[in-house]
């Protein structure tokens, strides 16, 4: 897969042409043609890689030592079609079919949230319907956006309809903001998703919530983790396309990702980093750290 934006790799890791022989891999999907508001997430993977250059191999908070037990590399970016969203979705699915076939666990840098839909399609081919931990300001379960069935506001509705999700073990955390109707978050609840709105997270640790999530999912069920950076309050992460006030904090983000330790994570992504809206680079830096934290909770990591 050709690289987008130069020779930098995630955490200065070795680059590889494929996921063959790897336990885990970082991969970019530089797209924003599924975004409905501000563009710019096509530059997300490039800046996440750049801001990851000072991350170190040992997790001093948890004791995780991922590189002592896993073979990890950056395999570049999916070659998307910047002029055709539907073709891009097909390309992403095909790329992740190949990655999952190797047995490697992909950790994806986005890119707008549309990309999670084809990744879930590829994951379900290998693992069957997966449990989902979805951290976001938005439910992303719209029927359509501007008449289109595929966009960054529809991936989890499409994934559910395609049989990719285990609805009884799907969790949406951090939802908030204004809506189009009072029932905007109820579609997911009606399908069996557990919806935790941001207001229920204010001023508290999310460790107890993640204990409940782990207990319900269990240690064996395949689970996918998708983290939209706009789940964070814009005070922490302004560099995204659809900001909402009243969001999660960075320490709550760490509690959520670290709380996935012990789950059978088969993949994860960090999406919606839009560098033009944060010249400091801090939003991408947070994204890089959260992707590293995802690596640290994969099965088999030494502590």
Protein backbone atom coordinates (compact mmCIF):
# COMPACT_ATOMS: atom_id res chain seq x y z
CA UNK A 1 0.00 0.00 0.00
CA UNK A 2 1.59 3.31 -1.00
CA UNK A 3 2.53 5.71 1.77
CA UNK A 4 0.84 9.10 1.97
CA UNK A 5 2.95 12.06 3.00
CA UNK A 6 6.55 10.94 3.13
CA UNK A 7 8.80 8.49 4.95
CA UNK A 8 7.61 9.00 8.56
CA UNK A 9 6.19 5.95 10.29
CA UNK A 10 4.12 5.55 13.45
CA UNK A 11 6.45 5.77 16.46
CA UNK A 12 9.44 5.50 14.09
CA UNK A 13 8.59 1.80 13.67
CA UNK A 14 9.88 -0.23 10.75
CA UNK A 15 7.82 0.08 7.59
CA UNK A 16 6.50 -3.01 5.85
CA UNK A 17 4.79 -3.67 2.54
CA UNK A 18 2.16 -5.92 4.12
CA UNK A 19 1.01 -7.36 7.43
CA UNK A 20 2.54 -10.77 6.70
CA UNK A 21 4.47 -12.03 9.71
CA UNK A 22 3.22 -9.25 12.00
CA UNK A 23 1.20 -9.53 15.20
CA UNK A 24 -0.11 -5.98 14.85
CA UNK A 25 0.21 -3.21 12.31
CA UNK A 26 -0.49 0.48 12.02
CA UNK A 27 -2.22 1.49 8.81
CA UNK A 28 -3.51 4.83 7.55
CA UNK A 29 -6.71 5.65 5.68
CA UNK A 30 -6.23 9.28 4.50
CA UNK A 31 -9.79 10.23 3.56
CA UNK A 32 -12.31 12.98 4.19
CA UNK A 33 -14.74 12.52 1.30
CA UNK A 34 -17.24 10.99 3.73
CA UNK A 35 -17.21 14.04 6.01
CA UNK A 36 -20.31 16.21 6.22
CA UNK A 37 -18.89 19.34 7.83
CA UNK A 38 -15.26 20.49 7.89
CA UNK A 39 -12.80 18.58 5.73
CA UNK A 40 -9.15 17.88 6.49
CA UNK A 41 -9.09 14.38 7.97
CA UNK A 42 -7.25 13.11 4.89
CA UNK A 43 -4.20 14.67 6.55
CA UNK A 44 -4.83 12.88 9.85
CA UNK A 45 -2.59 9.82 9.34
CA UNK A 46 0.33 11.96 8.24
CA UNK A 47 0.20 14.24 11.29
CA UNK A 48 -0.48 11.39 13.72
CA UNK A 49 2.70 9.75 12.47
CA UNK A 50 4.63 13.00 12.79
CA UNK A 51 3.42 13.68 16.33
CA UNK A 52 4.13 10.09 17.40
CA UNK A 53 7.88 10.49 16.92
CA UNK A 54 8.53 11.15 20.61
CA UNK A 55 6.48 8.23 21.94
CA UNK A 56 8.64 5.74 23.79
CA UNK A 57 8.34 1.94 23.88
CA UNK A 58 7.42 1.46 27.57
CA UNK A 59 4.07 2.46 29.04
CA UNK A 60 5.01 3.96 32.38
CA UNK A 61 1.39 4.18 33.51
CA UNK A 62 0.42 0.55 33.01
CA UNK A 63 3.74 -1.26 32.71
CA UNK A 64 2.91 -2.51 29.22
CA UNK A 65 5.87 -3.49 27.02
CA UNK A 66 4.22 -4.16 23.66
CA UNK A 67 7.38 -4.42 21.59
CA UNK A 68 8.83 -7.17 23.77
CA UNK A 69 6.02 -9.53 22.82
CA UNK A 70 4.58 -8.35 19.49
CA UNK A 71 6.00 -7.91 16.01
CA UNK A 72 4.72 -4.49 14.93
CA UNK A 73 5.26 -2.33 11.84
CA UNK A 74 3.66 0.53 9.95
CA UNK A 75 2.33 -0.82 6.64
CA UNK A 76 1.51 2.54 5.07
CA UNK A 77 -1.81 3.81 3.78
CA UNK A 78 -4.71 2.31 1.89
CA UNK A 79 -4.70 3.67 -1.67
CA UNK A 80 -8.10 5.37 -1.66
CA UNK A 81 -9.94 7.02 -4.52
CA UNK A 82 -10.19 10.68 -3.53
CA UNK A 83 -12.95 11.29 -6.09
CA UNK A 84 -15.28 8.36 -5.31
CA UNK A 85 -16.46 7.47 -1.80
CA UNK A 86 -18.14 4.20 -2.77
CA UNK A 87 -15.02 2.99 -4.55
CA UNK A 88 -12.94 4.07 -1.57
CA UNK A 89 -15.12 1.97 0.72
CA UNK A 90 -14.60 -1.04 -1.56
CA UNK A 91 -10.85 -0.45 -1.56
CA UNK A 92 -10.72 -0.24 2.25
CA UNK A 93 -12.68 -3.47 2.63
CA UNK A 94 -10.37 -5.29 0.21
CA UNK A 95 -7.26 -3.96 1.97
CA UNK A 96 -8.51 -5.11 5.36
CA UNK A 97 -9.59 -8.49 3.98
CA UNK A 98 -5.91 -8.94 3.20
CA UNK A 99 -4.75 -7.69 6.61
CA UNK A 100 -7.16 -9.86 8.60
CA UNK A 101 -6.20 -12.89 6.49
CA UNK A 102 -2.63 -12.61 7.82
CA UNK A 103 -3.81 -12.84 11.43
CA UNK A 104 -2.36 -9.42 12.27
CA UNK A 105 -4.37 -6.95 14.35
CA UNK A 106 -4.80 -3.63 12.50
CA UNK A 107 -4.71 -0.30 14.33
CA UNK A 108 -5.96 2.32 11.90
CA UNK A 109 -5.27 6.03 11.65
CA UNK A 110 -8.05 8.04 10.06
CA UNK A 111 -9.49 9.59 8.11
CA UNK A 112 -13.19 10.21 8.58
CA UNK A 113 -15.42 7.71 10.36
CA UNK A 114 -16.82 6.23 7.16
CA UNK A 115 -13.75 3.99 7.11
CA UNK A 116 -14.92 1.91 10.07
CA UNK A 117 -17.81 0.46 8.07
CA UNK A 118 -15.68 -1.41 5.50
CA UNK A 119 -13.22 -2.46 8.22
CA UNK A 120 -16.08 -4.02 10.18
CA UNK A 121 -17.24 -5.81 7.02
CA UNK A 122 -13.77 -7.29 6.61
CA UNK A 123 -13.57 -8.17 10.32
CA UNK A 124 -16.93 -9.96 10.26
CA UNK A 125 -15.80 -12.17 7.37
CA UNK A 126 -13.03 -13.53 9.58
CA UNK A 127 -14.56 -13.35 13.06
CA UNK A 128 -18.32 -13.25 12.56
CA UNK A 129 -20.37 -10.45 14.14
CA UNK A 130 -18.09 -8.57 16.52
CA UNK A 131 -18.67 -6.74 19.76
CA UNK A 132 -18.06 -3.02 19.40
CA UNK A 133 -16.79 -0.30 21.73
CA UNK A 134 -17.56 2.99 19.99
CA UNK A 135 -16.35 6.23 21.58
CA UNK A 136 -17.83 9.30 19.89
CA UNK A 137 -19.82 12.49 20.25
CA UNK A 138 -22.18 11.18 17.57
CA UNK A 139 -24.10 7.92 17.20
CA UNK A 140 -23.28 7.62 13.48
CA UNK A 141 -26.44 5.59 12.94
CA UNK A 142 -28.22 7.90 10.47
CA UNK A 143 -30.30 6.29 7.75
CA UNK A 144 -28.83 8.72 5.21
CA UNK A 145 -26.79 11.90 5.00
CA UNK A 146 -27.82 14.30 2.24
CA UNK A 147 -29.43 11.38 0.45
CA UNK A 148 -26.36 9.14 0.68
CA UNK A 149 -26.42 5.79 2.49
CA UNK A 150 -22.66 5.76 3.07
CA UNK A 151 -20.99 8.65 4.90
CA UNK A 152 -19.32 9.30 8.24
CA UNK A 153 -22.70 9.59 9.97
CA UNK A 154 -23.99 6.16 8.87
CA UNK A 155 -21.30 3.47 9.43
CA UNK A 156 -22.82 1.68 12.41
CA UNK A 157 -26.30 1.52 10.93
CA UNK A 158 -24.85 -0.01 7.76
CA UNK A 159 -22.64 -2.38 9.77
CA UNK A 160 -25.62 -3.54 11.83
CA UNK A 161 -27.75 -4.05 8.70
CA UNK A 162 -24.94 -6.10 7.13
CA UNK A 163 -24.73 -8.40 10.15
CA UNK A 164 -21.28 -7.20 11.20
CA UNK A 165 -22.18 -6.26 14.79
CA UNK A 166 -23.14 -8.21 17.87
CA UNK A 167 -25.74 -5.67 18.98
CA UNK A 168 -26.11 -7.05 22.50
CA UNK A 169 -22.41 -6.39 23.05
CA UNK A 170 -22.13 -3.00 21.33
CA UNK A 171 -21.39 0.05 23.48
CA UNK A 172 -21.53 3.70 22.44
CA UNK A 173 -19.89 6.09 24.92
CA UNK A 174 -19.73 9.89 24.97
CA UNK A 175 -22.71 10.76 22.74
CA UNK A 176 -23.90 14.33 23.11
CA UNK A 177 -24.78 17.61 21.42
CA UNK A 178 -27.78 18.73 19.40
CA UNK A 179 -29.86 16.45 17.21
CA UNK A 180 -32.44 16.34 14.48
CA UNK A 181 -35.09 14.73 16.70
CA UNK A 182 -35.52 13.70 20.35
CA UNK A 183 -35.07 10.09 19.27
CA UNK A 184 -31.67 10.46 17.58
CA UNK A 185 -29.95 8.04 19.97
CA UNK A 186 -32.88 5.67 20.29
CA UNK A 187 -32.33 3.70 17.08
CA UNK A 188 -29.25 2.14 18.64
CA UNK A 189 -31.01 1.48 21.93
CA UNK A 190 -33.88 -0.19 20.08
CA UNK A 191 -31.40 -2.54 18.39
CA UNK A 192 -29.88 -3.56 21.71
CA UNK A 193 -26.84 -1.26 21.84
CA UNK A 194 -25.81 0.16 25.22
CA UNK A 195 -25.71 3.96 24.88
CA UNK A 196 -23.85 6.02 27.48
CA UNK A 197 -24.33 9.73 26.86
CA UNK A 198 -21.61 12.19 27.79
CA UNK A 199 -23.66 13.71 30.60
CA UNK A 200 -23.45 10.38 32.43
CA UNK A 201 -19.65 10.63 32.27
CA UNK A 202 -19.14 14.13 33.59
CA UNK A 203 -16.90 14.62 36.64
CA UNK A 204 -16.28 10.95 37.27
CA UNK A 205 -13.87 8.13 36.59
CA UNK A 206 -14.89 5.74 33.82
CA UNK A 207 -13.05 2.79 35.36
CA UNK A 208 -16.33 1.37 36.80
CA UNK A 209 -18.03 1.73 33.41
CA UNK A 210 -15.24 -0.19 31.69
CA UNK A 211 -15.46 -2.91 34.34
CA UNK A 212 -19.09 -3.35 33.33
CA UNK A 213 -18.18 -3.37 29.64
CA UNK A 214 -15.52 -6.04 30.17
CA UNK A 215 -17.86 -8.16 32.24
CA UNK A 216 -20.60 -8.04 29.60
CA UNK A 217 -18.33 -8.73 26.63
CA UNK A 218 -16.19 -11.37 28.30
CA UNK A 219 -12.60 -12.39 27.50
CA UNK A 220 -13.22 -14.48 24.38
CA UNK A 221 -15.72 -12.61 22.21
CA UNK A 222 -14.03 -10.74 19.31
CA UNK A 223 -14.32 -7.00 19.89
CA UNK A 224 -13.44 -3.97 17.77
CA UNK A 225 -12.59 -0.57 19.30
CA UNK A 226 -13.33 2.60 17.34
CA UNK A 227 -12.35 5.96 18.82
CA UNK A 228 -13.57 9.21 17.27
CA UNK A 229 -11.37 12.05 18.49
CA UNK A 230 -14.45 14.31 18.68
CA UNK A 231 -15.55 12.29 21.71
CA UNK A 232 -13.10 14.54 23.56
CA UNK A 233 -14.14 18.01 24.56
CA UNK A 234 -12.79 20.60 22.09
CA UNK A 235 -10.74 22.07 24.94
CA UNK A 236 -8.55 18.97 24.51
CA UNK A 237 -8.98 18.15 20.83
CA UNK A 238 -10.12 21.06 18.65
CA UNK A 239 -8.64 19.54 15.50
CA UNK A 240 -11.69 17.72 14.20
CA UNK A 241 -14.52 18.39 11.80
CA UNK A 242 -17.66 18.22 13.94
CA UNK A 243 -16.87 19.50 17.43
CA UNK A 244 -19.33 19.27 20.30
CA UNK A 245 -18.93 20.89 23.72
CA UNK A 246 -19.29 18.94 26.96
CA UNK A 247 -17.10 16.04 25.94
CA UNK A 248 -14.79 13.53 27.56
CA UNK A 249 -11.38 14.37 29.01
CA UNK A 250 -8.04 12.89 28.03
CA UNK A 251 -7.81 11.01 31.31
CA UNK A 252 -11.22 9.48 30.70
CA UNK A 253 -9.99 8.48 27.23
CA UNK A 254 -7.06 6.68 28.85
CA UNK A 255 -9.40 4.96 31.29
CA UNK A 256 -11.55 3.73 28.41
CA UNK A 257 -8.71 2.37 26.29
CA UNK A 258 -6.79 0.91 29.24
CA UNK A 259 -10.09 -0.57 30.40
CA UNK A 260 -10.09 -2.77 27.29
CA UNK A 261 -7.21 -4.83 28.68
CA UNK A 262 -8.33 -8.44 28.94
CA UNK A 263 -10.70 -8.24 25.98
CA UNK A 264 -10.14 -10.11 22.73
CA UNK A 265 -9.43 -7.02 20.64
CA UNK A 266 -9.21 -7.89 16.95
CA UNK A 267 -8.71 -4.33 15.72
CA UNK A 268 -9.10 -0.66 16.47
CA UNK A 269 -9.08 2.76 14.90
CA UNK A 270 -8.61 6.42 15.79
CA UNK A 271 -10.55 8.66 13.43
CA UNK A 272 -11.55 12.24 12.58
CA UNK A 273 -8.24 14.01 13.34
CA UNK A 274 -8.30 17.11 11.12
CA UNK A 275 -4.92 18.89 11.37
CA UNK A 276 -5.98 22.19 9.75
CA UNK A 277 -8.10 22.99 12.81
CA UNK A 278 -5.31 22.52 15.36
CA UNK A 279 -2.03 24.16 14.31
CA UNK A 280 -0.47 23.10 17.63
CA UNK A 281 -0.61 19.44 16.60
CA UNK A 282 -1.99 18.47 20.01
CA UNK A 283 -5.09 16.73 18.62
CA UNK A 284 -2.91 14.46 16.50
CA UNK A 285 -0.58 13.94 19.46
CA UNK A 286 -3.52 12.75 21.56
CA UNK A 287 -4.53 10.46 18.71
CA UNK A 288 -1.05 8.98 18.51
CA UNK A 289 -1.03 8.33 22.25
CA UNK A 290 -4.43 6.65 22.17
CA UNK A 291 -3.33 4.39 19.30
CA UNK A 292 -0.25 3.43 21.33
CA UNK A 293 -2.54 2.69 24.30
CA UNK A 294 -4.63 0.45 22.02
CA UNK A 295 -1.47 -1.44 21.09
CA UNK A 296 -0.69 -1.84 24.80
CA UNK A 297 -3.97 -3.65 25.53
CA UNK A 298 -3.83 -6.15 22.67
CA UNK A 299 -3.86 -9.82 23.67
CA UNK A 300 -0.39 -11.14 24.37
CA UNK A 301 1.25 -7.88 25.44
CA UNK A 302 3.70 -8.24 28.32
CA UNK A 303 3.34 -6.23 31.51
